[in-house]
């Protein structure tokens, strides 16, 4: 699962800011408010210390960002406070119940990790979900074979030929299909246990996998590269 940086920052108890907003359109709007140097903010932006949104049932709701916020206009003097409160509500207050449950489960799993709180957000993400850097040449060297396959089997040779010519998107999807994750473990794909197991010897089936064991079950398509590429792409 790809979480936004804000999630990792929250788990490390780091403060959140405008740069952590996922909705870039909203982020740009708030930044425009901050950058505006005129003294007519109240007339130009027409904002109050409140936020209107629709709930899961489509009902329009209004929440005050501070007590009495519905009666407090945003001006050049308080626009920074407005942005801080808006970000606080959007990234913290509005999802508090759901986030607290997520954090409790996360910390229950990570409670034995004494290094968690000395990590940066990007380091925590790497520890939990792995690296985006996918070195398939390293994976090829680390791969083991079962069921009658070896590194020189025609189907295996064609498989790695296909990987070498595939787009990054295709390789990422194939990795997720075989392992359940689109990321590499710490140290890269060369440090991952990965197995290619010979499947249907007649080559009549599509590839399958055992994601719990990082095993790709590859039917034996022999020397037919076209058939392999067509079946793997499906």
C-alpha atoms as a PDB file:
ATOM      1  CA  UNK A   1       0.000   0.000   0.000  1.00  0.00           C
ATOM      2  CA  UNK A   2       1.339   3.433  -0.937  1.00  0.00           C
ATOM      3  CA  UNK A   3       0.620   5.905   1.853  1.00  0.00           C
ATOM      4  CA  UNK A   4       1.205   9.645   1.463  1.00  0.00           C
ATOM      5  CA  UNK A   5       4.186  11.084   3.324  1.00  0.00           C
ATOM      6  CA  UNK A   6       1.783  12.651   5.831  1.00  0.00           C
ATOM      7  CA  UNK A   7       0.963   9.202   7.252  1.00  0.00           C
ATOM      8  CA  UNK A   8       4.601   8.401   7.989  1.00  0.00           C
ATOM      9  CA  UNK A   9       5.107  11.863   9.505  1.00  0.00           C
ATOM     10  CA  UNK A  10       2.095  11.379  11.766  1.00  0.00           C
ATOM     11  CA  UNK A  11       3.325   7.981  12.913  1.00  0.00           C
ATOM     12  CA  UNK A  12       6.602   9.633  13.912  1.00  0.00           C
ATOM     13  CA  UNK A  13       4.733  12.410  15.743  1.00  0.00           C
ATOM     14  CA  UNK A  14       6.009  15.067  13.357  1.00  0.00           C
ATOM     15  CA  UNK A  15       3.959  18.215  12.690  1.00  0.00           C
ATOM     16  CA  UNK A  16       2.061  18.448   9.423  1.00  0.00           C
ATOM     17  CA  UNK A  17       1.940  21.430   7.104  1.00  0.00           C
ATOM     18  CA  UNK A  18       0.635  22.645   3.794  1.00  0.00           C
ATOM     19  CA  UNK A  19       3.274  20.581   1.948  1.00  0.00           C
ATOM     20  CA  UNK A  20       1.614  17.389   3.282  1.00  0.00           C
ATOM     21  CA  UNK A  21      -1.704  18.045   1.552  1.00  0.00           C
ATOM     22  CA  UNK A  22      -2.642  15.289  -0.880  1.00  0.00           C
ATOM     23  CA  UNK A  23      -5.249  17.389  -2.711  1.00  0.00           C
ATOM     24  CA  UNK A  24      -2.962  19.571  -4.822  1.00  0.00           C
ATOM     25  CA  UNK A  25      -5.790  21.838  -5.995  1.00  0.00           C
ATOM     26  CA  UNK A  26      -6.703  22.689  -2.404  1.00  0.00           C
ATOM     27  CA  UNK A  27      -3.029  23.092  -1.562  1.00  0.00           C
ATOM     28  CA  UNK A  28      -2.550  25.557  -4.412  1.00  0.00           C
ATOM     29  CA  UNK A  29      -5.581  27.542  -3.317  1.00  0.00           C
ATOM     30  CA  UNK A  30      -4.295  27.853   0.241  1.00  0.00           C
ATOM     31  CA  UNK A  31      -0.856  28.812  -1.014  1.00  0.00           C
ATOM     32  CA  UNK A  32      -2.388  31.529  -3.198  1.00  0.00           C
ATOM     33  CA  UNK A  33      -4.109  32.868  -0.111  1.00  0.00           C
ATOM     34  CA  UNK A  34      -0.807  32.982   1.775  1.00  0.00           C
ATOM     35  CA  UNK A  35       1.007  34.608  -1.154  1.00  0.00           C
ATOM     36  CA  UNK A  36      -1.595  37.315  -1.678  1.00  0.00           C
ATOM     37  CA  UNK A  37      -0.138  40.575  -0.355  1.00  0.00           C
ATOM     38  CA  UNK A  38      -3.137  42.865  -0.739  1.00  0.00           C
ATOM     39  CA  UNK A  39      -5.038  44.231   2.240  1.00  0.00           C
ATOM     40  CA  UNK A  40      -8.398  43.229   0.754  1.00  0.00           C
ATOM     41  CA  UNK A  41      -8.205  39.474   1.496  1.00  0.00           C
ATOM     42  CA  UNK A  42     -11.671  39.512   3.041  1.00  0.00           C
ATOM     43  CA  UNK A  43     -13.242  40.955  -0.121  1.00  0.00           C
ATOM     44  CA  UNK A  44     -11.234  38.885  -2.627  1.00  0.00           C
ATOM     45  CA  UNK A  45     -11.368  35.418  -1.024  1.00  0.00           C
ATOM     46  CA  UNK A  46     -14.639  35.717   0.922  1.00  0.00           C
ATOM     47  CA  UNK A  47     -13.622  33.091   3.490  1.00  0.00           C
ATOM     48  CA  UNK A  48     -14.702  32.474   7.061  1.00  0.00           C
ATOM     49  CA  UNK A  49     -13.038  30.258   9.673  1.00  0.00           C
ATOM     50  CA  UNK A  50     -15.203  27.335   8.635  1.00  0.00           C
ATOM     51  CA  UNK A  51     -15.155  24.506   6.121  1.00  0.00           C
ATOM     52  CA  UNK A  52     -18.057  23.054   4.163  1.00  0.00           C
ATOM     53  CA  UNK A  53     -17.961  19.464   2.908  1.00  0.00           C
ATOM     54  CA  UNK A  54     -20.208  16.553   2.007  1.00  0.00           C
ATOM     55  CA  UNK A  55     -20.338  13.475   4.205  1.00  0.00           C
ATOM     56  CA  UNK A  56     -20.476   9.879   2.982  1.00  0.00           C
ATOM     57  CA  UNK A  57     -24.225  10.197   2.391  1.00  0.00           C
ATOM     58  CA  UNK A  58     -23.935  13.359   0.306  1.00  0.00           C
ATOM     59  CA  UNK A  59     -25.207  15.655   3.049  1.00  0.00           C
ATOM     60  CA  UNK A  60     -23.611  19.105   3.212  1.00  0.00           C
ATOM     61  CA  UNK A  61     -21.874  19.771   6.518  1.00  0.00           C
ATOM     62  CA  UNK A  62     -20.168  22.818   7.966  1.00  0.00           C
ATOM     63  CA  UNK A  63     -17.461  22.663  10.621  1.00  0.00           C
ATOM     64  CA  UNK A  64     -15.993  25.670  12.414  1.00  0.00           C
ATOM     65  CA  UNK A  65     -12.206  25.742  12.419  1.00  0.00           C
ATOM     66  CA  UNK A  66     -12.258  27.634  15.730  1.00  0.00           C
ATOM     67  CA  UNK A  67     -15.001  28.617  18.178  1.00  0.00           C
ATOM     68  CA  UNK A  68     -17.289  31.118  16.480  1.00  0.00           C
ATOM     69  CA  UNK A  69     -15.468  30.579  13.195  1.00  0.00           C
ATOM     70  CA  UNK A  70     -18.612  31.026  11.098  1.00  0.00           C
ATOM     71  CA  UNK A  71     -18.606  34.693  12.138  1.00  0.00           C
ATOM     72  CA  UNK A  72     -14.866  35.337  11.781  1.00  0.00           C
ATOM     73  CA  UNK A  73     -13.704  36.472   8.332  1.00  0.00           C
ATOM     74  CA  UNK A  74     -10.277  35.563   6.971  1.00  0.00           C
ATOM     75  CA  UNK A  75      -8.166  38.698   6.626  1.00  0.00           C
ATOM     76  CA  UNK A  76      -4.581  39.552   5.793  1.00  0.00           C
ATOM     77  CA  UNK A  77      -3.848  39.512   9.520  1.00  0.00           C
ATOM     78  CA  UNK A  78      -5.190  36.023  10.285  1.00  0.00           C
ATOM     79  CA  UNK A  79      -4.806  34.119   6.995  1.00  0.00           C
ATOM     80  CA  UNK A  80      -1.802  32.129   8.320  1.00  0.00           C
ATOM     81  CA  UNK A  81      -3.896  30.960  11.267  1.00  0.00           C
ATOM     82  CA  UNK A  82      -6.702  29.996   8.894  1.00  0.00           C
ATOM     83  CA  UNK A  83      -4.385  27.854   6.760  1.00  0.00           C
ATOM     84  CA  UNK A  84      -2.891  26.139   9.815  1.00  0.00           C
ATOM     85  CA  UNK A  85      -6.348  25.343  11.220  1.00  0.00           C
ATOM     86  CA  UNK A  86      -7.611  24.178   7.829  1.00  0.00           C
ATOM     87  CA  UNK A  87      -4.688  21.787   7.402  1.00  0.00           C
ATOM     88  CA  UNK A  88      -5.100  20.595  11.002  1.00  0.00           C
ATOM     89  CA  UNK A  89      -8.769  19.817  10.433  1.00  0.00           C
ATOM     90  CA  UNK A  90      -8.239  18.126   7.076  1.00  0.00           C
ATOM     91  CA  UNK A  91      -5.221  15.964   7.985  1.00  0.00           C
ATOM     92  CA  UNK A  92      -5.889  15.338  11.678  1.00  0.00           C
ATOM     93  CA  UNK A  93      -9.272  16.226  13.165  1.00  0.00           C
ATOM     94  CA  UNK A  94     -11.537  15.036  10.331  1.00  0.00           C
ATOM     95  CA  UNK A  95     -10.035  11.530  10.317  1.00  0.00           C
ATOM     96  CA  UNK A  96      -9.124  11.181  13.996  1.00  0.00           C
ATOM     97  CA  UNK A  97     -11.287   8.140  14.740  1.00  0.00           C
ATOM     98  CA  UNK A  98     -10.123   6.184  11.686  1.00  0.00           C
ATOM     99  CA  UNK A  99      -6.485   7.219  12.055  1.00  0.00           C
ATOM    100  CA  UNK A 100      -6.322   6.391  15.766  1.00  0.00           C
ATOM    101  CA  UNK A 101      -7.512   2.848  15.019  1.00  0.00           C
ATOM    102  CA  UNK A 102      -4.945   2.506  12.232  1.00  0.00           C
ATOM    103  CA  UNK A 103      -2.139   3.855  14.412  1.00  0.00           C
ATOM    104  CA  UNK A 104      -3.022   1.529  17.301  1.00  0.00           C
ATOM    105  CA  UNK A 105      -2.784  -1.498  14.996  1.00  0.00           C
ATOM    106  CA  UNK A 106       0.417  -0.254  13.399  1.00  0.00           C
ATOM    107  CA  UNK A 107       2.135   0.372  16.730  1.00  0.00           C
ATOM    108  CA  UNK A 108       1.018  -3.017  18.008  1.00  0.00           C
ATOM    109  CA  UNK A 109       2.963  -4.618  15.160  1.00  0.00           C
ATOM    110  CA  UNK A 110       5.929  -2.267  15.479  1.00  0.00           C
ATOM    111  CA  UNK A 111       6.151  -2.122  19.273  1.00  0.00           C
ATOM    112  CA  UNK A 112       9.263  -4.327  19.341  1.00  0.00           C
ATOM    113  CA  UNK A 113      11.123  -1.981  16.981  1.00  0.00           C
ATOM    114  CA  UNK A 114      13.276   0.284  19.160  1.00  0.00           C
ATOM    115  CA  UNK A 115      14.598   2.239  16.177  1.00  0.00           C
ATOM    116  CA  UNK A 116      11.256   3.480  14.865  1.00  0.00           C
ATOM    117  CA  UNK A 117      11.344   6.867  16.546  1.00  0.00           C
ATOM    118  CA  UNK A 118      14.838   7.728  15.309  1.00  0.00           C
ATOM    119  CA  UNK A 119      13.859   7.245  11.673  1.00  0.00           C
ATOM    120  CA  UNK A 120      12.932   9.846   9.089  1.00  0.00           C
ATOM    121  CA  UNK A 121       9.544   9.412   7.314  1.00  0.00           C
ATOM    122  CA  UNK A 122      11.205   8.056   4.155  1.00  0.00           C
ATOM    123  CA  UNK A 123      13.249   5.586   6.229  1.00  0.00           C
ATOM    124  CA  UNK A 124      10.147   4.327   8.051  1.00  0.00           C
ATOM    125  CA  UNK A 125       8.389   3.848   4.713  1.00  0.00           C
ATOM    126  CA  UNK A 126      11.378   1.883   3.410  1.00  0.00           C
ATOM    127  CA  UNK A 127      11.390  -0.303   6.526  1.00  0.00           C
ATOM    128  CA  UNK A 128       7.673  -1.062   6.309  1.00  0.00           C
ATOM    129  CA  UNK A 129       6.872  -1.328   2.605  1.00  0.00           C
ATOM    130  CA  UNK A 130      10.249  -1.652   0.889  1.00  0.00           C
ATOM    131  CA  UNK A 131      12.045   0.186  -1.865  1.00  0.00           C
ATOM    132  CA  UNK A 132      10.679   1.524  -5.164  1.00  0.00           C
ATOM    133  CA  UNK A 133      14.041   0.738  -6.811  1.00  0.00           C
ATOM    134  CA  UNK A 134      13.437  -2.522  -8.658  1.00  0.00           C
ATOM    135  CA  UNK A 135      16.618  -4.221  -9.870  1.00  0.00           C
ATOM    136  CA  UNK A 136      15.335  -7.205 -11.838  1.00  0.00           C
ATOM    137  CA  UNK A 137      18.827  -8.246 -12.862  1.00  0.00           C
ATOM    138  CA  UNK A 138      19.516  -8.757  -9.157  1.00  0.00           C
ATOM    139  CA  UNK A 139      16.288 -10.719  -8.818  1.00  0.00           C
ATOM    140  CA  UNK A 140      17.288 -12.947 -11.720  1.00  0.00           C
ATOM    141  CA  UNK A 141      20.578 -13.812 -10.036  1.00  0.00           C
ATOM    142  CA  UNK A 142      18.810 -14.602  -6.752  1.00  0.00           C
ATOM    143  CA  UNK A 143      15.984 -16.689  -8.265  1.00  0.00           C
ATOM    144  CA  UNK A 144      15.715 -20.398  -7.496  1.00  0.00           C
ATOM    145  CA  UNK A 145      13.944 -22.933  -9.716  1.00  0.00           C
ATOM    146  CA  UNK A 146      11.711 -25.904  -8.959  1.00  0.00           C
ATOM    147  CA  UNK A 147       9.683 -28.563 -10.717  1.00  0.00           C
ATOM    148  CA  UNK A 148      12.212 -29.332 -13.427  1.00  0.00           C
ATOM    149  CA  UNK A 149      13.229 -25.787 -14.358  1.00  0.00           C
ATOM    150  CA  UNK A 150      16.738 -24.394 -14.172  1.00  0.00           C
ATOM    151  CA  UNK A 151      18.326 -21.155 -15.339  1.00  0.00           C
ATOM    152  CA  UNK A 152      18.934 -22.620 -18.817  1.00  0.00           C
ATOM    153  CA  UNK A 153      15.437 -23.959 -19.458  1.00  0.00           C
ATOM    154  CA  UNK A 154      14.091 -22.397 -22.691  1.00  0.00           C
ATOM    155  CA  UNK A 155      10.959 -21.082 -20.998  1.00  0.00           C
ATOM    156  CA  UNK A 156      13.007 -19.538 -18.193  1.00  0.00           C
ATOM    157  CA  UNK A 157      15.389 -17.907 -20.666  1.00  0.00           C
ATOM    158  CA  UNK A 158      12.418 -16.463 -22.531  1.00  0.00           C
ATOM    159  CA  UNK A 159      10.861 -15.249 -19.283  1.00  0.00           C
ATOM    160  CA  UNK A 160      13.914 -13.183 -18.391  1.00  0.00           C
ATOM    161  CA  UNK A 161      14.125 -11.971 -21.980  1.00  0.00           C
ATOM    162  CA  UNK A 162      10.542 -10.763 -21.614  1.00  0.00           C
ATOM    163  CA  UNK A 163      11.377  -9.042 -18.315  1.00  0.00           C
ATOM    164  CA  UNK A 164      14.332  -7.291 -19.912  1.00  0.00           C
ATOM    165  CA  UNK A 165      12.127  -5.828 -22.639  1.00  0.00           C
ATOM    166  CA  UNK A 166       9.100  -5.040 -20.454  1.00  0.00           C
ATOM    167  CA  UNK A 167       8.093  -1.573 -19.298  1.00  0.00           C
ATOM    168  CA  UNK A 168       8.564  -0.590 -15.657  1.00  0.00           C
ATOM    169  CA  UNK A 169       4.793  -0.707 -15.191  1.00  0.00           C
ATOM    170  CA  UNK A 170       4.616  -4.278 -16.509  1.00  0.00           C
ATOM    171  CA  UNK A 171       7.520  -5.403 -14.331  1.00  0.00           C
ATOM    172  CA  UNK A 172       5.982  -3.789 -11.267  1.00  0.00           C
ATOM    173  CA  UNK A 173       2.625  -5.472 -11.930  1.00  0.00           C
ATOM    174  CA  UNK A 174       4.334  -8.838 -12.429  1.00  0.00           C
ATOM    175  CA  UNK A 175       6.265  -8.450  -9.175  1.00  0.00           C
ATOM    176  CA  UNK A 176       3.037  -7.695  -7.326  1.00  0.00           C
ATOM    177  CA  UNK A 177       1.333 -10.675  -9.001  1.00  0.00           C
ATOM    178  CA  UNK A 178       4.091 -13.038  -7.876  1.00  0.00           C
ATOM    179  CA  UNK A 179       4.884 -11.651  -4.420  1.00  0.00           C
ATOM    180  CA  UNK A 180       1.896  -9.562  -3.352  1.00  0.00           C
ATOM    181  CA  UNK A 181       4.028  -6.411  -3.244  1.00  0.00           C
ATOM    182  CA  UNK A 182       5.214  -3.915  -5.832  1.00  0.00           C
ATOM    183  CA  UNK A 183       8.185  -2.952  -3.643  1.00  0.00           C
ATOM    184  CA  UNK A 184      11.597  -4.475  -3.029  1.00  0.00           C
ATOM    185  CA  UNK A 185      12.732  -5.410   0.484  1.00  0.00           C
ATOM    186  CA  UNK A 186      15.535  -3.506   2.170  1.00  0.00           C
ATOM    187  CA  UNK A 187      18.671  -4.308   0.218  1.00  0.00           C
ATOM    188  CA  UNK A 188      16.810  -4.649  -3.071  1.00  0.00           C
ATOM    189  CA  UNK A 189      15.341  -7.511  -5.087  1.00  0.00           C
ATOM    190  CA  UNK A 190      18.640  -9.392  -4.959  1.00  0.00           C
ATOM    191  CA  UNK A 191      17.977  -9.984  -1.247  1.00  0.00           C
ATOM    192  CA  UNK A 192      14.507 -11.388  -1.803  1.00  0.00           C
ATOM    193  CA  UNK A 193      13.719 -15.070  -1.830  1.00  0.00           C
ATOM    194  CA  UNK A 194      12.061 -15.737  -5.194  1.00  0.00           C
ATOM    195  CA  UNK A 195      11.203 -19.003  -6.932  1.00  0.00           C
ATOM    196  CA  UNK A 196      10.019 -19.875 -10.418  1.00  0.00           C
ATOM    197  CA  UNK A 197       8.234 -23.226 -10.392  1.00  0.00           C
ATOM    198  CA  UNK A 198       7.400 -25.235 -13.486  1.00  0.00           C
ATOM    199  CA  UNK A 199       3.659 -25.421 -14.017  1.00  0.00           C
ATOM    200  CA  UNK A 200       1.613 -27.068 -16.752  1.00  0.00           C
ATOM    201  CA  UNK A 201       4.183 -28.979 -18.865  1.00  0.00           C
ATOM    202  CA  UNK A 202       1.926 -28.601 -21.924  1.00  0.00           C
ATOM    203  CA  UNK A 203       1.859 -24.823 -21.589  1.00  0.00           C
ATOM    204  CA  UNK A 204      -1.915 -24.616 -21.854  1.00  0.00           C
ATOM    205  CA  UNK A 205      -2.500 -22.569 -18.697  1.00  0.00           C
ATOM    206  CA  UNK A 206      -1.763 -19.023 -17.616  1.00  0.00           C
ATOM    207  CA  UNK A 207       0.879 -18.259 -14.976  1.00  0.00           C
ATOM    208  CA  UNK A 208      -0.221 -18.287 -11.338  1.00  0.00           C
ATOM    209  CA  UNK A 209       1.526 -17.645  -8.053  1.00  0.00           C
ATOM    210  CA  UNK A 210       1.860 -18.381  -4.358  1.00  0.00           C
ATOM    211  CA  UNK A 211       2.391 -14.858  -3.031  1.00  0.00           C
ATOM    212  CA  UNK A 212       3.026 -16.073   0.530  1.00  0.00           C
ATOM    213  CA  UNK A 213       6.097 -17.907  -0.735  1.00  0.00           C
ATOM    214  CA  UNK A 214       7.176 -15.453  -3.458  1.00  0.00           C
ATOM    215  CA  UNK A 215       6.686 -18.193  -6.020  1.00  0.00           C
ATOM    216  CA  UNK A 216       5.740 -17.724  -9.655  1.00  0.00           C
ATOM    217  CA  UNK A 217       4.206 -20.825 -11.217  1.00  0.00           C
ATOM    218  CA  UNK A 218       5.192 -20.594 -14.856  1.00  0.00           C
ATOM    219  CA  UNK A 219       3.697 -23.114 -17.319  1.00  0.00           C
ATOM    220  CA  UNK A 220       6.275 -24.548 -19.687  1.00  0.00           C
ATOM    221  CA  UNK A 221       5.843 -22.649 -22.939  1.00  0.00           C
ATOM    222  CA  UNK A 222       9.082 -24.130 -24.240  1.00  0.00           C
ATOM    223  CA  UNK A 223      10.839 -22.000 -26.829  1.00  0.00           C
ATOM    224  CA  UNK A 224       7.659 -20.158 -27.849  1.00  0.00           C
ATOM    225  CA  UNK A 225       8.537 -16.608 -26.799  1.00  0.00           C
ATOM    226  CA  UNK A 226       5.404 -15.137 -28.343  1.00  0.00           C
ATOM    227  CA  UNK A 227       3.135 -17.457 -26.354  1.00  0.00           C
ATOM    228  CA  UNK A 228       5.007 -16.731 -23.122  1.00  0.00           C
ATOM    229  CA  UNK A 229       4.838 -12.970 -23.593  1.00  0.00           C
ATOM    230  CA  UNK A 230       1.153 -13.122 -24.493  1.00  0.00           C
ATOM    231  CA  UNK A 231       0.279 -15.278 -21.472  1.00  0.00           C
ATOM    232  CA  UNK A 232       2.415 -13.349 -18.985  1.00  0.00           C
ATOM    233  CA  UNK A 233       0.932 -10.053 -20.184  1.00  0.00           C
ATOM    234  CA  UNK A 234      -2.563 -11.316 -19.455  1.00  0.00           C
END
